[in-house]
N, C-alpha and C. Protein backbone atom coordinates (compact mmCIF):
# COMPACT_ATOMS: atom_id res chain seq x y z
N MET A 1 -105.71 43.59 -2.18
CA MET A 1 -105.93 44.77 -2.99
C MET A 1 -107.08 44.46 -3.96
N VAL A 2 -107.97 45.41 -4.15
CA VAL A 2 -109.12 45.21 -5.02
C VAL A 2 -109.09 46.26 -6.12
N TYR A 3 -109.23 45.81 -7.34
CA TYR A 3 -109.34 46.72 -8.48
C TYR A 3 -110.79 47.15 -8.57
N ASN A 4 -111.02 48.46 -8.56
CA ASN A 4 -112.38 48.97 -8.57
C ASN A 4 -112.53 49.99 -9.69
N ASP A 5 -113.27 49.64 -10.70
CA ASP A 5 -113.53 50.57 -11.80
C ASP A 5 -114.89 51.22 -11.66
N GLY A 6 -115.50 51.06 -10.51
CA GLY A 6 -116.82 51.63 -10.27
C GLY A 6 -117.93 50.63 -10.56
N LEU A 7 -117.68 49.67 -11.40
CA LEU A 7 -118.71 48.70 -11.77
C LEU A 7 -118.41 47.32 -11.21
N ASN A 8 -117.19 46.89 -11.42
CA ASN A 8 -116.81 45.54 -11.02
C ASN A 8 -115.75 45.60 -9.94
N LYS A 9 -115.84 44.70 -9.03
CA LYS A 9 -114.79 44.54 -8.03
C LYS A 9 -114.19 43.16 -8.25
N MET A 10 -112.90 43.16 -8.47
CA MET A 10 -112.21 41.91 -8.74
C MET A 10 -110.91 41.89 -7.97
N PRO A 11 -110.58 40.79 -7.30
CA PRO A 11 -109.31 40.74 -6.59
C PRO A 11 -108.16 40.94 -7.57
N PHE A 12 -107.24 41.78 -7.19
CA PHE A 12 -106.05 42.01 -8.02
C PHE A 12 -104.94 41.15 -7.47
N SER A 13 -104.70 40.06 -8.12
CA SER A 13 -103.66 39.14 -7.69
C SER A 13 -103.14 38.42 -8.91
N PRO A 14 -101.83 38.27 -9.00
CA PRO A 14 -101.30 37.54 -10.15
C PRO A 14 -101.69 36.07 -10.14
N PHE A 15 -102.17 35.59 -9.01
CA PHE A 15 -102.50 34.18 -8.88
C PHE A 15 -104.00 33.94 -8.89
N TYR A 16 -104.77 34.92 -9.24
CA TYR A 16 -106.22 34.78 -9.23
C TYR A 16 -106.65 33.67 -10.18
N ASN A 17 -107.39 32.72 -9.64
CA ASN A 17 -107.95 31.63 -10.42
C ASN A 17 -106.92 30.60 -10.91
N TYR A 18 -105.75 30.53 -10.27
CA TYR A 18 -104.75 29.53 -10.64
C TYR A 18 -104.86 28.33 -9.71
N ASP A 19 -104.35 27.21 -10.16
CA ASP A 19 -104.35 26.00 -9.33
C ASP A 19 -103.33 26.13 -8.21
N SER A 20 -103.55 25.39 -7.16
CA SER A 20 -102.58 25.34 -6.08
C SER A 20 -101.47 24.36 -6.45
N SER A 21 -100.39 24.40 -5.70
CA SER A 21 -99.28 23.49 -5.99
C SER A 21 -99.68 22.04 -5.75
N ASP A 22 -100.65 21.80 -4.88
CA ASP A 22 -101.10 20.43 -4.64
C ASP A 22 -101.71 19.82 -5.90
N SER A 23 -102.54 20.58 -6.58
CA SER A 23 -103.16 20.03 -7.80
C SER A 23 -102.13 19.92 -8.93
N ILE A 24 -101.13 20.78 -8.92
CA ILE A 24 -100.05 20.66 -9.91
C ILE A 24 -99.28 19.37 -9.66
N ASP A 25 -99.00 19.06 -8.39
CA ASP A 25 -98.32 17.80 -8.05
C ASP A 25 -99.15 16.60 -8.48
N ASP A 26 -100.45 16.67 -8.24
CA ASP A 26 -101.32 15.56 -8.66
C ASP A 26 -101.26 15.37 -10.17
N ASP A 27 -101.29 16.47 -10.91
CA ASP A 27 -101.19 16.39 -12.38
C ASP A 27 -99.86 15.78 -12.79
N TYR A 28 -98.79 16.22 -12.15
CA TYR A 28 -97.45 15.73 -12.48
C TYR A 28 -97.38 14.22 -12.28
N PHE A 29 -97.84 13.73 -11.13
CA PHE A 29 -97.75 12.30 -10.85
C PHE A 29 -98.67 11.49 -11.76
N TYR A 30 -99.80 12.05 -12.13
CA TYR A 30 -100.67 11.35 -13.08
C TYR A 30 -99.99 11.24 -14.44
N MET A 31 -99.39 12.34 -14.90
CA MET A 31 -98.71 12.32 -16.21
C MET A 31 -97.52 11.36 -16.18
N GLN A 32 -96.83 11.28 -15.04
CA GLN A 32 -95.73 10.33 -14.91
C GLN A 32 -96.24 8.89 -15.06
N SER A 33 -97.44 8.63 -14.57
CA SER A 33 -97.98 7.28 -14.65
C SER A 33 -98.34 6.89 -16.09
N LEU A 34 -98.46 7.87 -16.97
CA LEU A 34 -98.79 7.59 -18.37
C LEU A 34 -97.59 7.24 -19.24
N ILE A 35 -96.39 7.39 -18.69
CA ILE A 35 -95.18 7.07 -19.45
C ILE A 35 -95.17 5.57 -19.73
N PRO A 36 -94.96 5.17 -21.00
CA PRO A 36 -94.99 3.75 -21.35
C PRO A 36 -93.94 2.93 -20.60
N GLU A 37 -94.25 1.68 -20.40
CA GLU A 37 -93.34 0.77 -19.69
C GLU A 37 -91.98 0.68 -20.37
N SER A 38 -91.95 0.81 -21.69
CA SER A 38 -90.68 0.73 -22.42
C SER A 38 -89.76 1.91 -22.10
N MET A 39 -90.32 2.98 -21.56
CA MET A 39 -89.52 4.16 -21.21
C MET A 39 -89.20 4.21 -19.72
N SER A 40 -89.61 3.21 -18.96
CA SER A 40 -89.43 3.25 -17.51
C SER A 40 -87.95 3.28 -17.12
N CYS A 41 -87.10 2.63 -17.91
CA CYS A 41 -85.66 2.65 -17.64
C CYS A 41 -85.14 4.07 -17.67
N ILE A 42 -85.57 4.83 -18.66
CA ILE A 42 -85.12 6.22 -18.79
C ILE A 42 -85.64 7.05 -17.63
N GLU A 43 -86.90 6.87 -17.30
CA GLU A 43 -87.49 7.65 -16.21
C GLU A 43 -86.80 7.34 -14.89
N ASP A 44 -86.50 6.08 -14.63
CA ASP A 44 -85.79 5.71 -13.41
C ASP A 44 -84.39 6.32 -13.38
N ALA A 45 -83.70 6.27 -14.52
CA ALA A 45 -82.35 6.83 -14.60
C ALA A 45 -82.37 8.35 -14.41
N ILE A 46 -83.35 9.02 -15.00
CA ILE A 46 -83.47 10.47 -14.85
C ILE A 46 -83.79 10.83 -13.41
N THR A 47 -84.66 10.07 -12.79
CA THR A 47 -85.01 10.32 -11.39
C THR A 47 -83.79 10.16 -10.49
N SER A 48 -83.00 9.13 -10.73
CA SER A 48 -81.82 8.93 -9.88
C SER A 48 -80.78 10.03 -10.12
N GLU A 49 -80.62 10.47 -11.36
CA GLU A 49 -79.68 11.57 -11.65
C GLU A 49 -80.16 12.85 -10.97
N CYS A 50 -81.44 13.13 -11.03
CA CYS A 50 -81.98 14.34 -10.39
C CYS A 50 -81.90 14.25 -8.87
N ASP A 51 -82.04 13.03 -8.33
CA ASP A 51 -81.87 12.85 -6.88
C ASP A 51 -80.46 13.25 -6.47
N LYS A 52 -79.47 12.90 -7.29
CA LYS A 52 -78.08 13.26 -6.99
C LYS A 52 -77.86 14.77 -7.08
N LEU A 53 -78.65 15.44 -7.92
CA LEU A 53 -78.48 16.89 -8.12
C LEU A 53 -79.32 17.73 -7.16
N GLU A 54 -80.11 17.10 -6.33
CA GLU A 54 -81.03 17.85 -5.48
C GLU A 54 -80.35 18.24 -4.16
N TYR A 55 -79.47 19.22 -4.25
CA TYR A 55 -78.81 19.78 -3.08
C TYR A 55 -78.69 21.29 -3.28
N GLU A 56 -78.56 22.01 -2.19
CA GLU A 56 -78.45 23.46 -2.26
C GLU A 56 -77.18 23.84 -3.01
N GLY A 57 -77.30 24.69 -3.99
CA GLY A 57 -76.16 25.12 -4.80
C GLY A 57 -76.00 24.32 -6.08
N SER A 58 -76.86 23.35 -6.31
CA SER A 58 -76.80 22.54 -7.54
C SER A 58 -77.14 23.41 -8.75
N TYR A 59 -76.56 23.04 -9.89
CA TYR A 59 -76.87 23.78 -11.11
C TYR A 59 -78.35 23.65 -11.48
N MET A 60 -79.00 22.61 -10.98
CA MET A 60 -80.41 22.41 -11.27
C MET A 60 -81.26 23.57 -10.74
N PHE A 61 -80.82 24.22 -9.66
CA PHE A 61 -81.58 25.29 -9.04
C PHE A 61 -81.08 26.68 -9.42
N ASP A 62 -80.09 26.75 -10.31
CA ASP A 62 -79.63 28.05 -10.79
C ASP A 62 -80.74 28.74 -11.56
N GLU A 63 -80.68 30.07 -11.62
CA GLU A 63 -81.71 30.82 -12.35
C GLU A 63 -81.77 30.36 -13.80
N TYR A 64 -80.60 30.18 -14.40
CA TYR A 64 -80.50 29.64 -15.76
C TYR A 64 -79.57 28.44 -15.71
N PRO A 65 -80.12 27.23 -15.60
CA PRO A 65 -79.26 26.04 -15.53
C PRO A 65 -78.35 25.93 -16.76
N ASP A 66 -77.15 25.47 -16.52
CA ASP A 66 -76.14 25.35 -17.57
C ASP A 66 -76.56 24.28 -18.58
N LYS A 67 -76.68 24.70 -19.84
CA LYS A 67 -77.13 23.79 -20.89
C LYS A 67 -76.13 22.65 -21.10
N LEU A 68 -74.85 22.94 -21.04
CA LEU A 68 -73.83 21.91 -21.24
C LEU A 68 -73.93 20.83 -20.18
N ARG A 69 -74.13 21.23 -18.94
CA ARG A 69 -74.26 20.24 -17.87
C ARG A 69 -75.52 19.40 -18.04
N MET A 70 -76.58 20.01 -18.56
CA MET A 70 -77.80 19.24 -18.83
C MET A 70 -77.54 18.21 -19.92
N PHE A 71 -76.79 18.62 -20.97
CA PHE A 71 -76.43 17.67 -22.03
C PHE A 71 -75.58 16.54 -21.48
N GLU A 72 -74.64 16.86 -20.58
CA GLU A 72 -73.79 15.83 -19.97
C GLU A 72 -74.62 14.85 -19.14
N THR A 73 -75.59 15.39 -18.40
CA THR A 73 -76.46 14.52 -17.60
C THR A 73 -77.29 13.62 -18.50
N ALA A 74 -77.84 14.18 -19.57
CA ALA A 74 -78.61 13.38 -20.53
C ALA A 74 -77.73 12.31 -21.18
N HIS A 75 -76.48 12.65 -21.46
CA HIS A 75 -75.55 11.67 -22.05
C HIS A 75 -75.27 10.54 -21.06
N ARG A 76 -75.09 10.90 -19.78
CA ARG A 76 -74.86 9.88 -18.75
C ARG A 76 -76.05 8.93 -18.65
N VAL A 77 -77.26 9.49 -18.73
CA VAL A 77 -78.46 8.64 -18.68
C VAL A 77 -78.50 7.72 -19.89
N SER A 78 -78.14 8.23 -21.06
CA SER A 78 -78.21 7.41 -22.28
C SER A 78 -77.22 6.26 -22.26
N LYS A 79 -76.18 6.35 -21.44
CA LYS A 79 -75.18 5.28 -21.35
C LYS A 79 -75.55 4.20 -20.35
N LYS A 80 -76.62 4.40 -19.59
CA LYS A 80 -77.02 3.40 -18.60
C LYS A 80 -77.59 2.18 -19.32
N PRO A 81 -77.44 1.00 -18.74
CA PRO A 81 -77.95 -0.22 -19.37
C PRO A 81 -79.44 -0.15 -19.65
N GLY A 82 -79.83 -0.53 -20.85
CA GLY A 82 -81.23 -0.52 -21.24
C GLY A 82 -81.71 0.80 -21.82
N CYS A 83 -80.89 1.83 -21.73
CA CYS A 83 -81.29 3.16 -22.21
C CYS A 83 -80.51 3.59 -23.45
N ASN A 84 -79.66 2.72 -23.95
CA ASN A 84 -78.75 3.14 -25.03
C ASN A 84 -79.39 3.22 -26.40
N ASN A 85 -80.60 2.78 -26.59
CA ASN A 85 -81.26 2.88 -27.90
C ASN A 85 -82.17 4.09 -28.00
N ILE A 86 -82.18 4.93 -26.99
CA ILE A 86 -83.09 6.08 -26.94
C ILE A 86 -82.34 7.33 -27.36
N ASP A 87 -82.99 8.15 -28.16
CA ASP A 87 -82.41 9.40 -28.63
C ASP A 87 -82.13 10.33 -27.44
N GLU A 88 -80.96 10.97 -27.44
CA GLU A 88 -80.60 11.86 -26.34
C GLU A 88 -81.51 13.09 -26.27
N GLY A 89 -82.10 13.47 -27.39
CA GLY A 89 -83.04 14.59 -27.39
C GLY A 89 -84.27 14.29 -26.55
N ILE A 90 -84.75 13.07 -26.62
CA ILE A 90 -85.90 12.66 -25.80
C ILE A 90 -85.50 12.64 -24.33
N ILE A 91 -84.31 12.12 -24.06
CA ILE A 91 -83.83 12.08 -22.68
C ILE A 91 -83.68 13.49 -22.13
N LEU A 92 -83.15 14.40 -22.95
CA LEU A 92 -82.98 15.79 -22.52
C LEU A 92 -84.33 16.44 -22.22
N ALA A 93 -85.34 16.17 -23.04
CA ALA A 93 -86.68 16.74 -22.81
C ALA A 93 -87.27 16.20 -21.50
N LEU A 94 -87.12 14.90 -21.26
CA LEU A 94 -87.62 14.32 -20.01
C LEU A 94 -86.85 14.85 -18.81
N LEU A 95 -85.54 15.05 -18.97
CA LEU A 95 -84.72 15.61 -17.90
C LEU A 95 -85.15 17.03 -17.58
N ALA A 96 -85.38 17.84 -18.61
CA ALA A 96 -85.81 19.23 -18.40
C ALA A 96 -87.16 19.26 -17.68
N ASN A 97 -88.05 18.36 -18.03
CA ASN A 97 -89.36 18.30 -17.37
C ASN A 97 -89.21 17.94 -15.90
N GLU A 98 -88.37 16.96 -15.61
CA GLU A 98 -88.16 16.55 -14.22
C GLU A 98 -87.50 17.68 -13.42
N MET A 99 -86.55 18.36 -14.05
CA MET A 99 -85.89 19.48 -13.37
C MET A 99 -86.87 20.62 -13.11
N LEU A 100 -87.76 20.88 -14.04
CA LEU A 100 -88.76 21.92 -13.86
C LEU A 100 -89.64 21.62 -12.65
N HIS A 101 -90.08 20.38 -12.53
CA HIS A 101 -90.90 19.97 -11.40
C HIS A 101 -90.14 20.15 -10.08
N ARG A 102 -88.89 19.73 -10.05
CA ARG A 102 -88.11 19.82 -8.82
C ARG A 102 -87.76 21.27 -8.46
N ARG A 103 -87.55 22.10 -9.48
CA ARG A 103 -87.28 23.52 -9.21
C ARG A 103 -88.51 24.18 -8.60
N ARG A 104 -89.69 23.88 -9.10
CA ARG A 104 -90.92 24.43 -8.53
C ARG A 104 -91.10 23.97 -7.09
N ARG A 105 -90.88 22.69 -6.87
CA ARG A 105 -91.01 22.13 -5.52
C ARG A 105 -89.99 22.76 -4.56
N HIS A 106 -88.77 22.99 -5.07
CA HIS A 106 -87.72 23.60 -4.27
C HIS A 106 -88.09 25.04 -3.88
N ARG A 107 -88.64 25.79 -4.82
CA ARG A 107 -89.07 27.17 -4.53
C ARG A 107 -90.18 27.18 -3.48
N CYS A 108 -91.09 26.23 -3.59
CA CYS A 108 -92.20 26.16 -2.63
C CYS A 108 -91.67 25.80 -1.24
N ARG A 109 -90.69 24.92 -1.17
CA ARG A 109 -90.12 24.55 0.12
C ARG A 109 -89.38 25.71 0.77
N ARG A 110 -88.70 26.49 -0.06
CA ARG A 110 -87.96 27.64 0.45
C ARG A 110 -88.91 28.69 1.02
N ASN A 111 -90.09 28.80 0.44
CA ASN A 111 -91.09 29.77 0.88
C ASN A 111 -92.21 29.07 1.63
N TRP A 112 -91.85 28.22 2.58
CA TRP A 112 -92.82 27.36 3.25
C TRP A 112 -93.84 28.14 4.07
N ASP A 113 -93.56 29.40 4.42
CA ASP A 113 -94.46 30.15 5.28
C ASP A 113 -95.71 30.66 4.55
N ARG A 114 -95.75 30.53 3.23
CA ARG A 114 -96.94 30.94 2.49
C ARG A 114 -97.32 29.84 1.51
N LYS A 115 -98.57 29.81 1.14
CA LYS A 115 -99.05 28.81 0.17
C LYS A 115 -98.38 29.09 -1.16
N CYS A 116 -97.86 28.07 -1.76
CA CYS A 116 -97.10 28.24 -2.99
C CYS A 116 -98.00 27.94 -4.19
N TYR A 117 -98.14 28.90 -5.05
CA TYR A 117 -98.88 28.73 -6.29
C TYR A 117 -97.90 28.83 -7.44
N TYR A 118 -98.23 28.23 -8.51
CA TYR A 118 -97.32 28.23 -9.66
C TYR A 118 -98.06 28.54 -10.91
């Protein structure tokens, strides 16, 4: 569809000039590489918890994930060895970020027949 005001022709698309999901993935992995070594325990624990939650019907993929379950997951991560000196608020923020990435990836996989933009 093209928007035509008589002077300018511009593609009418909500995704006009946005990055593809591939470049978003590249950005995500680069930002993950910037996490300090002292936080690697937390990142590994969050990744393993999210791996356990990555199944169809998981609360992670609900339209509005349950806040209480996210707090419980963050609390479980904080109890892992080497992670007990870290504030649960930081863990919750990192968990939310990881869940956001996986939710986007999950949506793209579900709609595999078209290029997924975010």
